[in-house]
Amino acid sequence: MEMNYDDKVRPDRLQGFGFVFWHFVLRIVKELHAIEEELHTEILPGTEVMTDVGSHHFVKSSNKVLVPQPSDDPHDPLNWSRMWKLLTITASSYVTFCQGFGPLSLAPMFPYYVKDFNCSLEDAVQFTGVCILVLGFSNFIWVPISTSFGRRPVYIASQLVCFGSCIWRARATTYGSFMGACVLNGIGAGPAETIQPAVIADIFFLHDRGYWSTLYWVVYMGSLMVAPIISGPMAQHVGWRNFWWLNVAMIGASIVLVVFGFPETKWHRKHPDEIIHTPSSTSEKGDAVTAVEESSDVEKHGAADITIAQNPSTTSNSLSKVATEARDPHLGRGSPSRAQWRLFQPNAHPFASILNDLWIPWKLFVFPIVEFSSFVVSWSCSSFLTINLTQSQAFAAPPYNMSSQAIGFTNFAILIGAFLGLATAGPLSDWVSARATRRNRGIREPEMRLPAMIPYVLVMIIGNIVVSVGYQNHWNMWAIVVIGFAAAGLQVAALPAMAMTYSVDSYKPVAGSLMVSVTVNKNVWGYGFSKFITVWAMNDG
């Protein structure tokens, strides 16, 4: 069962109330043990109960058990109305699109940079490579801020950095100056790869995350695909500097949208000891007193002799036979509070939280699931990155001799493939995992969505072969673009989204740090590609 709180146990909170706390822990352990016995299975982290079990009933929507279980607070993001959720995800998606729009837009413009900055093609490619590298490591700044102070300040601050970097790019007159702007752009664009998955986990339930995770990934990768389509014609007709002024306008609009359309989604879910020690109603106080009285019986008679009444007002995750409407009357009707529109959320222990977020991404690299997701994302994105970095090199030369506008337009095929990935990957992933869940008596394991990756792996292999062999043997351009480029777009919209959803489902409490681990691995891999791909292609084909 997914944890519904985000703070660790604090021993100082237990002093004087030890009996109450351990009584509460005993009750939760007994409930979980009862579910395990009825299901004849062990409930591990990442394992989710997606159906009522015996006498244990959960908050539902359309007869689906909601994971995580929402609180009964109307301001809980899980309880927000569909309108607020759509507005929030729209603002988040637009920021993701804007931050991804610039870093990989340069491919059709490389010939102009070579000429204006008097550099080699290999040097021009480094504008992309260095930006990608910095972008990955910048999340060691943004994710700790997100965890400590919320998603909203990260979006606002990072977009201000991107805003300044695009003005710098538009006005740069030397190679070094433009490279400096690329570095600053990389710092500002980091949240595009880490924050929206956390937002999705904040406001959507488990059974919906496959679709929204795929949508996020298509928006992000779509920005990387659309940018060259626009940058090529703009560079040819109005100059490459005007492309960066377009970025300035887009980012300015996104800042306004976040300020007025993105409330804070990070929600503090009370830890059990907080629920017991800070009762908010008379009934809760009565429950706490009863728990103290019963705790003495635990010492006298042992845990097995105590019968515990389940009271839904005592805990946000209580398992009782109460109608959904009664347990959470605000489900689907909630809205953000005024406090959720603040610039940032207060944190009593920010430094401890930040230090924790700096360490956890490195620790996660020893977990096989994180390594699996990291390399699936890295290899899938590298398949797309190879096309991005080599399309000018291949199509501007004989026998194709294509203009920058024509080269930019080839990315339409990648974009169409990505839309096919959006239309199929999320629903297929959710259907496969839901089917496996039903066959497993309502118990969902994160691994149940992995078989949905198989067809997209085959598509990736076919696309790579078509592009590489087509380049080498100068195949007809349409064969390379329609089959190879479209296959690259299809797989890059599907495989990373599935892999990241799998890892987030497995380690939800550290979703932000997990995304840092994945993106650092991906971007280091991408930077390595940018360092050797141009020379390698020139020397060996």
Protein backbone atom coordinates (compact mmCIF):
# COMPACT_ATOMS: atom_id res chain seq x y z
CA MET A 1 0.00 0.00 0.00
CA GLU A 2 1.31 3.42 -0.94
CA MET A 3 2.47 5.60 1.93
CA ASN A 4 0.22 8.60 2.44
CA TYR A 5 2.67 10.75 4.37
CA ASP A 6 6.07 12.23 3.65
CA ASP A 7 7.89 12.75 6.95
CA LYS A 8 9.98 10.29 8.89
CA VAL A 9 9.25 9.25 12.47
CA ARG A 10 10.66 11.81 14.88
CA PRO A 11 11.64 10.24 18.23
CA ASP A 12 11.18 13.50 20.09
CA ARG A 13 7.51 13.42 19.15
CA LEU A 14 7.13 10.06 20.91
CA GLN A 15 8.28 11.16 24.36
CA GLY A 16 5.35 11.07 26.75
CA PHE A 17 3.13 9.50 24.14
CA GLY A 18 5.03 6.28 23.44
CA PHE A 19 2.13 4.02 24.35
CA VAL A 20 -0.20 5.87 21.96
CA PHE A 21 2.24 5.70 19.06
CA TRP A 22 3.05 2.03 19.41
CA HIS A 23 -0.63 1.25 19.84
CA PHE A 24 -1.27 2.98 16.49
CA VAL A 25 1.61 1.12 14.83
CA LEU A 26 0.26 -2.15 16.22
CA ARG A 27 -3.14 -1.43 14.69
CA ILE A 28 -1.67 -0.67 11.24
CA VAL A 29 0.53 -3.78 11.37
CA LYS A 30 -2.45 -5.94 12.34
CA GLU A 31 -4.53 -4.50 9.48
CA LEU A 32 -1.79 -5.12 6.92
CA HIS A 33 -1.19 -8.58 8.30
CA ALA A 34 -4.90 -9.34 8.03
CA ILE A 35 -4.92 -8.27 4.38
CA GLU A 36 -1.81 -10.36 3.68
CA GLU A 37 -3.44 -13.41 5.25
CA GLU A 38 -6.64 -12.98 3.26
CA LEU A 39 -4.70 -12.54 0.02
CA HIS A 40 -1.98 -15.10 0.83
CA THR A 41 0.66 -12.63 -0.38
CA GLU A 42 3.26 -10.30 1.13
CA ILE A 43 2.62 -6.57 0.66
CA LEU A 44 5.96 -5.02 -0.25
CA PRO A 45 6.75 -1.38 -1.13
CA GLY A 46 5.31 -0.76 -4.58
CA THR A 47 2.65 -3.46 -4.19
CA GLU A 48 -0.80 -1.91 -4.31
CA VAL A 49 -4.17 -3.31 -3.18
CA MET A 50 -6.56 -2.32 -5.97
CA THR A 51 -9.73 -3.93 -4.58
CA ASP A 52 -11.60 -4.33 -1.29
CA VAL A 53 -10.28 -7.23 0.77
CA GLY A 54 -12.71 -9.01 3.09
CA SER A 55 -13.84 -6.48 5.67
CA HIS A 56 -11.32 -3.88 4.52
CA HIS A 57 -12.84 -1.19 2.32
CA PHE A 58 -11.12 1.72 0.58
CA VAL A 59 -12.09 5.07 -0.93
CA LYS A 60 -13.09 4.43 -4.56
CA SER A 61 -13.90 6.22 -7.80
CA SER A 62 -15.91 4.40 -10.48
CA ASN A 63 -15.48 1.20 -8.44
CA LYS A 64 -11.67 1.56 -8.55
CA VAL A 65 -9.72 1.68 -5.30
CA LEU A 66 -7.84 4.98 -5.17
CA VAL A 67 -4.10 4.73 -4.59
CA PRO A 68 -2.92 6.67 -2.69
CA GLN A 69 -5.98 7.08 -0.48
CA PRO A 70 -6.89 10.80 -0.40
CA SER A 71 -7.44 12.73 2.81
CA ASP A 72 -10.80 14.31 3.61
CA ASP A 73 -9.39 17.83 3.10
CA PRO A 74 -10.93 19.76 0.17
CA HIS A 75 -7.53 21.33 -0.55
CA ASP A 76 -5.75 17.99 -0.95
CA PRO A 77 -4.56 17.99 -4.63
CA LEU A 78 -5.90 14.45 -4.97
CA ASN A 79 -9.38 15.84 -4.18
CA TRP A 80 -9.22 18.76 -6.62
CA SER A 81 -11.90 19.04 -9.26
CA ARG A 82 -11.15 17.99 -12.82
CA MET A 83 -10.96 21.66 -13.86
CA TRP A 84 -8.24 22.46 -11.34
CA LYS A 85 -6.29 19.34 -12.19
CA LEU A 86 -6.43 20.10 -15.92
CA LEU A 87 -5.41 23.73 -15.36
CA THR A 88 -2.50 22.62 -13.18
CA ILE A 89 -1.26 19.95 -15.58
CA THR A 90 -1.64 22.38 -18.52
CA ALA A 91 0.56 24.97 -16.81
CA SER A 92 3.08 22.30 -15.85
CA SER A 93 3.11 20.86 -19.38
CA TYR A 94 3.61 24.28 -20.96
CA VAL A 95 6.62 24.94 -18.71
CA THR A 96 8.01 21.53 -19.67
CA PHE A 97 7.48 22.33 -23.35
CA CYS A 98 9.16 25.75 -23.11
CA GLN A 99 12.15 24.42 -21.18
CA GLY A 100 12.67 21.59 -23.68
CA PHE A 101 12.16 23.81 -26.71
CA GLY A 102 15.59 25.46 -26.71
CA PRO A 103 18.32 22.92 -25.85
CA LEU A 104 17.84 20.56 -28.84
CA SER A 105 16.60 23.13 -31.38
CA LEU A 106 20.04 23.84 -32.81
CA ALA A 107 20.47 20.97 -35.30
CA PRO A 108 19.15 22.77 -38.43
CA MET A 109 20.99 25.95 -37.40
CA PHE A 110 24.46 24.37 -37.08
CA PRO A 111 25.61 25.64 -40.52
CA TYR A 112 24.76 29.22 -39.49
CA TYR A 113 26.62 28.90 -36.18
CA VAL A 114 29.66 27.46 -37.96
CA LYS A 115 29.67 30.51 -40.22
CA ASP A 116 28.83 33.25 -37.70
CA PHE A 117 31.09 31.99 -34.89
CA ASN A 118 33.85 30.74 -37.19
CA CYS A 119 33.94 27.28 -35.61
CA SER A 120 33.88 23.67 -36.80
CA LEU A 121 30.76 21.50 -36.94
CA GLU A 122 32.14 19.48 -34.04
CA ASP A 123 32.43 22.67 -31.97
CA ALA A 124 28.90 23.75 -32.89
CA VAL A 125 27.50 20.38 -31.81
CA GLN A 126 28.92 21.08 -28.35
CA PHE A 127 26.33 23.83 -27.90
CA THR A 128 23.84 20.99 -27.59
CA GLY A 129 26.10 18.58 -25.70
CA VAL A 130 27.19 20.96 -22.96
CA CYS A 131 23.63 22.21 -22.44
CA ILE A 132 22.40 18.62 -22.04
CA LEU A 133 25.13 17.80 -19.53
CA VAL A 134 24.48 20.87 -17.38
CA LEU A 135 20.73 20.29 -17.62
CA GLY A 136 21.02 16.87 -16.01
CA PHE A 137 23.17 17.97 -13.07
CA SER A 138 21.13 21.15 -12.50
CA ASN A 139 18.46 18.98 -10.91
CA PHE A 140 20.70 18.64 -7.87
CA ILE A 141 19.59 22.25 -7.34
CA TRP A 142 15.96 22.12 -8.41
CA VAL A 143 14.75 18.86 -6.87
CA PRO A 144 15.91 19.67 -3.30
CA ILE A 145 14.18 23.05 -3.61
CA SER A 146 11.05 21.30 -4.88
CA THR A 147 11.06 18.84 -2.00
CA SER A 148 11.70 21.51 0.62
CA PHE A 149 9.65 24.45 -0.63
CA GLY A 150 7.32 23.10 -3.31
CA ARG A 151 6.96 22.80 -7.09
CA ARG A 152 5.69 26.34 -7.63
CA PRO A 153 8.89 28.25 -6.67
CA VAL A 154 10.97 25.88 -8.82
CA TYR A 155 8.86 26.57 -11.90
CA ILE A 156 8.93 30.33 -11.39
CA ALA A 157 12.67 30.57 -10.63
CA SER A 158 13.76 28.17 -13.38
CA GLN A 159 11.68 29.97 -16.00
CA LEU A 160 13.23 33.29 -15.00
CA VAL A 161 16.67 31.71 -15.57
CA CYS A 162 15.55 30.38 -18.97
CA PHE A 163 14.10 33.79 -19.82
CA GLY A 164 17.46 35.46 -19.21
CA SER A 165 19.42 32.76 -21.02
CA CYS A 166 17.33 33.09 -24.19
CA ILE A 167 17.86 36.86 -24.24
CA TRP A 168 21.59 36.15 -23.90
CA ARG A 169 21.48 33.59 -26.74
CA ALA A 170 19.71 36.08 -29.01
CA ARG A 171 22.33 38.78 -28.37
CA ALA A 172 25.51 36.63 -28.26
CA THR A 173 28.15 37.60 -30.82
CA THR A 174 31.01 35.19 -30.00
CA TYR A 175 31.38 31.45 -29.60
CA GLY A 176 32.26 31.77 -25.89
CA SER A 177 29.33 34.06 -25.17
CA PHE A 178 26.85 31.74 -26.86
CA MET A 179 28.31 28.76 -25.00
CA GLY A 180 27.82 30.64 -21.72
CA ALA A 181 24.18 31.21 -22.63
CA CYS A 182 23.85 27.48 -23.37
CA VAL A 183 25.20 26.64 -19.91
CA LEU A 184 22.73 29.04 -18.26
CA ASN A 185 19.91 27.60 -20.37
CA GLY A 186 20.90 24.11 -19.20
CA ILE A 187 20.70 25.20 -15.57
CA GLY A 188 17.26 26.72 -16.03
CA ALA A 189 15.79 23.86 -18.11
CA GLY A 190 16.48 21.09 -15.59
CA PRO A 191 12.95 20.97 -14.08
CA ALA A 192 11.58 19.88 -17.47
CA GLU A 193 12.96 16.42 -16.73
CA THR A 194 12.07 15.99 -13.07
CA ILE A 195 9.26 18.18 -11.71
CA GLN A 196 6.25 17.23 -13.82
CA PRO A 197 6.44 13.51 -12.88
CA ALA A 198 6.26 14.64 -9.24
CA VAL A 199 3.29 16.89 -10.07
CA ILE A 200 1.54 13.95 -11.74
CA ALA A 201 2.09 11.83 -8.63
CA ASP A 202 0.79 14.72 -6.49
CA ILE A 203 -2.57 15.14 -8.24
CA PHE A 204 -3.40 11.87 -10.01
CA PHE A 205 -4.16 8.42 -8.67
CA LEU A 206 -2.16 5.34 -9.59
CA HIS A 207 -4.61 3.96 -12.15
CA ASP A 208 -4.37 7.22 -14.18
CA ARG A 209 -0.62 7.78 -14.04
CA GLY A 210 0.26 5.69 -17.10
CA TYR A 211 -1.65 8.05 -19.40
CA TRP A 212 -0.46 11.28 -17.79
CA SER A 213 3.16 10.09 -17.59
CA THR A 214 3.06 9.29 -21.30
CA LEU A 215 1.49 12.69 -22.00
CA TYR A 216 4.28 14.38 -20.03
CA TRP A 217 6.95 12.52 -21.92
CA VAL A 218 5.37 13.30 -25.29
CA VAL A 219 5.10 17.00 -24.35
CA TYR A 220 8.76 17.06 -23.35
CA MET A 221 10.07 15.04 -26.27
CA GLY A 222 7.59 16.83 -28.54
CA SER A 223 9.22 20.14 -27.64
CA LEU A 224 12.57 18.69 -28.71
CA MET A 225 10.97 17.55 -32.00
CA VAL A 226 8.97 20.69 -32.77
CA ALA A 227 11.86 23.06 -32.06
CA PRO A 228 13.98 21.99 -35.07
CA ILE A 229 10.89 22.17 -37.30
CA ILE A 230 10.56 25.85 -36.36
CA SER A 231 14.22 26.79 -35.95
CA GLY A 232 15.25 25.64 -39.43
CA PRO A 233 12.81 27.81 -41.42
CA MET A 234 13.28 30.76 -39.04
CA ALA A 235 17.07 30.62 -39.40
CA GLN A 236 16.74 30.53 -43.18
CA HIS A 237 14.14 33.30 -43.57
CA VAL A 238 14.41 35.71 -40.61
CA GLY A 239 17.71 34.75 -38.95
CA TRP A 240 18.57 32.41 -36.09
CA ARG A 241 18.49 35.22 -33.50
CA ASN A 242 14.76 35.69 -34.00
CA PHE A 243 14.23 32.06 -33.01
CA TRP A 244 15.61 32.88 -29.57
CA TRP A 245 13.41 35.97 -29.31
CA LEU A 246 10.49 33.63 -29.97
CA ASN A 247 11.71 31.57 -27.01
CA VAL A 248 11.76 34.72 -24.87
CA ALA A 249 8.09 35.40 -25.70
CA MET A 250 7.05 31.79 -25.02
CA ILE A 251 8.83 31.65 -21.68
CA GLY A 252 7.38 35.01 -20.63
CA ALA A 253 3.88 33.67 -21.31
CA SER A 254 4.66 30.51 -19.30
CA ILE A 255 5.75 32.55 -16.28
CA VAL A 256 2.39 34.35 -16.30
CA LEU A 257 0.56 31.02 -16.63
CA VAL A 258 2.44 29.50 -13.66
CA VAL A 259 1.90 32.55 -11.43
CA PHE A 260 -1.86 32.59 -12.06
CA GLY A 261 -2.63 28.99 -13.07
CA PHE A 262 -0.36 26.66 -11.10
CA PRO A 263 -1.16 26.29 -7.38
CA GLU A 264 1.21 24.33 -5.17
CA THR A 265 0.70 20.56 -5.56
CA LYS A 266 3.10 19.33 -2.89
CA TRP A 267 0.89 18.16 -0.03
CA HIS A 268 1.99 17.25 3.45
CA ARG A 269 0.32 13.96 4.37
CA LYS A 270 0.37 13.58 8.13
CA HIS A 271 2.52 10.92 9.68
CA PRO A 272 0.67 8.62 12.12
CA ASP A 273 2.35 10.17 15.16
CA GLU A 274 1.20 13.62 14.03
CA ILE A 275 -2.37 12.38 13.66
CA ILE A 276 -2.34 10.95 17.19
CA HIS A 277 -0.51 13.77 18.93
CA THR A 278 -2.29 16.69 17.26
CA PRO A 279 -5.97 15.75 17.34
CA SER A 280 -8.12 18.32 15.56
CA SER A 281 -11.50 17.35 16.95
CA THR A 282 -13.12 16.11 20.12
CA SER A 283 -13.58 12.67 18.65
CA GLU A 284 -9.90 12.45 17.80
CA LYS A 285 -8.97 13.49 21.31
CA GLY A 286 -11.25 10.80 22.61
CA ASP A 287 -9.59 8.26 20.35
CA ALA A 288 -6.18 9.29 21.65
CA VAL A 289 -7.30 8.93 25.26
CA THR A 290 -8.86 5.55 24.48
CA ALA A 291 -5.63 4.50 22.83
CA VAL A 292 -3.65 5.43 25.96
CA GLU A 293 -6.04 3.41 28.12
CA GLU A 294 -5.85 0.45 25.77
CA SER A 295 -2.06 0.62 25.63
CA SER A 296 -1.89 -0.53 29.26
CA ASP A 297 -3.96 -3.55 28.24
CA VAL A 298 -1.42 -4.27 25.54
CA GLU A 299 1.26 -4.55 28.21
CA LYS A 300 -0.90 -6.73 30.44
CA HIS A 301 -2.49 -9.09 27.96
CA GLY A 302 -0.46 -8.83 24.74
CA ALA A 303 -1.34 -7.54 21.31
CA ALA A 304 -3.41 -10.52 20.21
CA ASP A 305 -6.01 -9.97 22.95
CA ILE A 306 -6.90 -6.40 22.01
CA THR A 307 -9.76 -5.69 19.58
CA ILE A 308 -9.27 -2.33 17.88
CA ALA A 309 -12.21 -0.38 16.47
CA GLN A 310 -11.49 1.19 13.11
CA ASN A 311 -12.40 4.87 13.06
CA PRO A 312 -12.03 6.72 9.77
CA SER A 313 -11.50 10.03 11.55
CA THR A 314 -8.38 8.73 13.24
CA THR A 315 -6.23 8.16 10.19
CA SER A 316 -6.28 9.08 6.55
CA ASN A 317 -5.70 5.45 5.64
CA SER A 318 -8.10 3.69 7.98
CA LEU A 319 -9.64 0.57 6.52
CA SER A 320 -13.29 0.62 7.45
CA LYS A 321 -16.59 -0.28 5.85
CA VAL A 322 -17.73 3.30 5.23
CA ALA A 323 -19.16 4.64 1.97
CA THR A 324 -16.79 6.63 -0.22
CA GLU A 325 -19.06 9.70 -0.12
CA ALA A 326 -18.98 9.68 3.69
CA ARG A 327 -15.25 9.07 3.96
CA ASP A 328 -14.18 11.68 1.41
CA PRO A 329 -17.05 14.03 0.48
CA HIS A 330 -14.60 16.35 -1.32
CA LEU A 331 -13.32 13.81 -3.84
CA GLY A 332 -13.46 15.48 -7.26
CA ARG A 333 -14.88 18.68 -5.78
CA GLY A 334 -11.89 20.25 -4.03
CA SER A 335 -9.90 23.35 -4.94
CA PRO A 336 -6.59 24.98 -3.93
CA SER A 337 -6.45 27.06 -0.76
CA ARG A 338 -5.01 30.57 -0.59
CA ALA A 339 -1.91 29.14 1.06
CA GLN A 340 -1.27 27.01 -2.03
CA TRP A 341 -0.83 30.19 -4.10
CA ARG A 342 2.10 31.41 -2.00
CA LEU A 343 5.46 31.87 -3.69
CA PHE A 344 6.82 28.97 -1.63
CA GLN A 345 5.71 26.65 1.15
CA PRO A 346 7.39 26.99 4.57
CA ASN A 347 9.64 24.19 5.79
CA ALA A 348 10.78 23.83 9.40
CA HIS A 349 13.91 21.82 8.49
CA PRO A 350 14.97 22.87 4.96
CA PHE A 351 18.69 22.11 5.26
CA ALA A 352 18.17 18.54 6.44
CA SER A 353 15.73 17.99 3.59
CA ILE A 354 18.12 19.49 1.01
CA LEU A 355 21.08 17.41 2.20
CA ASN A 356 18.92 14.31 2.05
CA ASP A 357 17.92 15.08 -1.54
CA LEU A 358 21.56 15.60 -2.53
CA TRP A 359 22.52 12.16 -1.23
CA ILE A 360 19.54 9.98 -2.18
CA PRO A 361 20.00 10.16 -6.01
CA TRP A 362 23.48 8.65 -5.70
CA LYS A 363 22.24 5.99 -3.29
CA LEU A 364 19.48 5.03 -5.72
CA PHE A 365 22.02 4.03 -8.36
CA VAL A 366 22.60 0.77 -6.47
CA PHE A 367 18.94 -0.23 -6.89
CA PRO A 368 18.41 -2.52 -9.92
CA ILE A 369 15.02 -1.00 -10.76
CA VAL A 370 16.53 2.49 -10.92
CA GLU A 371 19.43 1.24 -13.04
CA PHE A 372 17.00 -0.50 -15.39
CA SER A 373 14.90 2.63 -15.81
CA SER A 374 17.98 4.84 -16.19
CA PHE A 375 19.40 2.83 -19.06
CA VAL A 376 16.06 2.27 -20.80
CA VAL A 377 15.56 6.05 -20.80
CA SER A 378 19.20 6.69 -21.81
CA TRP A 379 19.23 4.28 -24.74
CA SER A 380 15.79 5.28 -25.98
CA CYS A 381 16.63 8.99 -25.89
CA SER A 382 20.04 8.39 -27.44
CA SER A 383 18.31 6.81 -30.42
CA PHE A 384 16.45 10.09 -30.91
CA LEU A 385 19.49 12.23 -30.06
CA THR A 386 21.56 10.50 -32.74
CA ILE A 387 19.06 11.61 -35.36
CA ASN A 388 19.00 15.15 -33.97
CA LEU A 389 22.80 15.48 -34.04
CA THR A 390 23.38 13.85 -37.42
CA GLN A 391 20.46 15.08 -39.57
CA SER A 392 22.27 18.23 -40.76
CA GLN A 393 25.47 16.29 -41.31
CA ALA A 394 23.66 13.67 -43.43
CA PHE A 395 21.03 15.67 -45.32
CA ALA A 396 22.95 18.91 -46.00
CA ALA A 397 25.64 16.93 -47.84
CA PRO A 398 25.38 15.24 -51.26
CA PRO A 399 23.37 13.50 -52.59
CA TYR A 400 20.57 15.19 -50.59
CA ASN A 401 21.82 18.84 -50.44
CA MET A 402 18.81 19.87 -48.34
CA SER A 403 18.28 23.37 -46.95
CA SER A 404 17.99 24.05 -43.22
CA GLN A 405 14.23 24.48 -43.66
CA ALA A 406 13.88 21.08 -45.36
CA ILE A 407 16.04 19.43 -42.70
CA GLY A 408 13.88 20.97 -39.97
CA PHE A 409 10.73 19.67 -41.65
CA THR A 410 12.00 16.07 -41.49
CA ASN A 411 11.27 16.26 -37.76
CA PHE A 412 7.56 16.18 -38.55
CA ALA A 413 7.98 12.41 -38.97
CA ILE A 414 9.43 12.14 -35.44
CA LEU A 415 6.57 14.23 -34.08
CA ILE A 416 3.92 12.07 -35.79
CA GLY A 417 5.60 8.97 -34.35
CA ALA A 418 5.48 10.57 -30.90
CA PHE A 419 1.75 11.21 -31.20
CA LEU A 420 1.27 7.56 -32.14
CA GLY A 421 3.23 6.70 -28.99
CA LEU A 422 0.96 8.93 -26.91
CA ALA A 423 -2.15 7.35 -28.40
CA THR A 424 -0.99 3.79 -27.75
CA ALA A 425 1.63 3.57 -24.99
CA GLY A 426 -0.31 4.97 -22.01
CA PRO A 427 -3.55 3.07 -22.65
CA LEU A 428 -1.63 -0.12 -23.51
CA SER A 429 0.49 0.14 -20.37
CA ASP A 430 -2.55 0.75 -18.15
CA TRP A 431 -4.53 -2.05 -19.85
CA VAL A 432 -1.71 -4.58 -19.49
CA SER A 433 -1.18 -3.76 -15.80
CA ALA A 434 -4.95 -3.67 -15.07
CA ARG A 435 -5.41 -7.08 -16.74
CA ALA A 436 -2.54 -8.56 -14.76
CA THR A 437 -3.98 -7.01 -11.58
CA ARG A 438 -7.35 -8.69 -12.12
CA ARG A 439 -5.64 -12.04 -12.69
CA ASN A 440 -3.67 -11.46 -9.48
CA ARG A 441 -6.84 -11.03 -7.36
CA GLY A 442 -6.69 -7.25 -7.24
CA ILE A 443 -3.03 -6.93 -6.24
CA ARG A 444 -0.92 -4.72 -8.52
CA GLU A 445 2.86 -5.02 -8.77
CA PRO A 446 4.90 -2.31 -10.55
CA GLU A 447 6.40 -4.93 -12.89
CA MET A 448 2.99 -5.71 -14.37
CA ARG A 449 3.28 -2.87 -16.89
CA LEU A 450 6.65 -3.98 -18.30
CA PRO A 451 5.36 -6.45 -20.96
CA ALA A 452 3.82 -3.45 -22.74
CA MET A 453 7.37 -2.32 -23.61
CA ILE A 454 8.06 -5.28 -25.93
CA PRO A 455 6.48 -3.93 -29.16
CA TYR A 456 8.20 -0.56 -28.73
CA VAL A 457 11.61 -2.19 -28.26
CA LEU A 458 11.10 -3.92 -31.62
CA VAL A 459 10.10 -0.58 -33.20
CA MET A 460 13.27 1.05 -31.80
CA ILE A 461 15.50 -1.67 -33.29
CA ILE A 462 13.84 -1.39 -36.71
CA GLY A 463 14.11 2.41 -36.68
CA ASN A 464 17.80 2.38 -35.76
CA ILE A 465 18.61 -0.08 -38.55
CA VAL A 466 16.69 1.92 -41.17
CA VAL A 467 18.34 5.23 -40.25
CA SER A 468 21.91 3.93 -39.95
CA VAL A 469 21.86 1.71 -43.06
CA GLY A 470 19.91 4.37 -44.98
CA TYR A 471 22.47 7.09 -44.17
CA GLN A 472 25.37 4.84 -45.09
CA ASN A 473 23.92 3.65 -48.42
CA HIS A 474 22.19 6.92 -49.35
CA TRP A 475 18.72 5.45 -49.44
CA ASN A 476 15.80 7.50 -50.65
CA MET A 477 15.22 10.28 -48.11
CA TRP A 478 11.55 9.37 -47.68
CA ALA A 479 12.36 5.83 -46.57
CA ILE A 480 14.75 7.10 -43.90
CA VAL A 481 12.40 9.80 -42.67
CA VAL A 482 9.03 8.06 -42.86
CA ILE A 483 10.17 4.76 -41.38
CA GLY A 484 13.32 5.52 -39.39
CA PHE A 485 12.47 8.95 -37.99
CA ALA A 486 8.85 8.00 -37.22
CA ALA A 487 10.00 4.84 -35.42
CA ALA A 488 12.37 6.96 -33.32
CA GLY A 489 9.51 9.25 -32.31
CA LEU A 490 7.21 6.34 -31.51
CA GLN A 491 9.63 4.53 -29.23
CA VAL A 492 10.92 7.65 -27.46
CA ALA A 493 7.35 8.58 -26.52
CA ALA A 494 6.67 5.12 -25.09
CA LEU A 495 9.70 3.41 -23.55
CA PRO A 496 10.96 6.18 -21.22
CA ALA A 497 7.44 6.91 -19.96
CA MET A 498 6.83 3.25 -19.13
CA ALA A 499 10.23 2.80 -17.50
CA MET A 500 9.86 5.93 -15.36
CA THR A 501 6.32 5.05 -14.33
CA TYR A 502 7.60 1.62 -13.27
CA SER A 503 10.34 3.09 -11.10
CA VAL A 504 8.12 5.81 -9.62
CA ASP A 505 5.47 3.20 -8.75
CA SER A 506 8.21 1.19 -7.01
CA TYR A 507 9.73 4.09 -5.06
CA LYS A 508 7.02 6.77 -4.82
CA PRO A 509 8.36 8.44 -1.61
CA VAL A 510 11.61 9.34 -3.44
CA ALA A 511 10.12 10.10 -6.87
CA GLY A 512 11.94 13.43 -7.20
CA SER A 513 15.36 12.02 -6.31
CA LEU A 514 14.69 9.04 -8.56
CA MET A 515 14.11 11.38 -11.52
CA VAL A 516 17.44 13.06 -10.78
CA SER A 517 19.20 9.69 -10.95
CA VAL A 518 17.53 8.84 -14.25
CA THR A 519 18.17 12.22 -15.89
CA VAL A 520 21.80 12.43 -14.78
CA ASN A 521 22.44 9.01 -16.30
CA LYS A 522 20.58 9.97 -19.50
CA ASN A 523 22.26 13.33 -19.93
CA VAL A 524 25.78 12.07 -19.25
CA TRP A 525 25.09 9.41 -21.87
CA GLY A 526 23.79 12.10 -24.24
CA TYR A 527 26.81 14.33 -23.66
CA GLY A 528 29.09 11.43 -24.50
CA PHE A 529 27.18 10.92 -27.74
CA SER A 530 27.61 14.58 -28.67
CA LYS A 531 31.38 14.35 -28.07
CA PHE A 532 32.08 11.48 -30.45
CA ILE A 533 29.11 11.06 -32.81
CA THR A 534 30.14 13.73 -35.36
CA VAL A 535 33.75 12.60 -35.74
CA TRP A 536 32.77 8.92 -35.61
CA ALA A 537 30.22 9.40 -38.39
CA MET A 538 32.74 11.31 -40.53
CA ASN A 539 35.48 8.69 -40.08
CA ASP A 540 33.53 5.44 -40.15
CA GLY A 541 30.11 6.28 -41.57
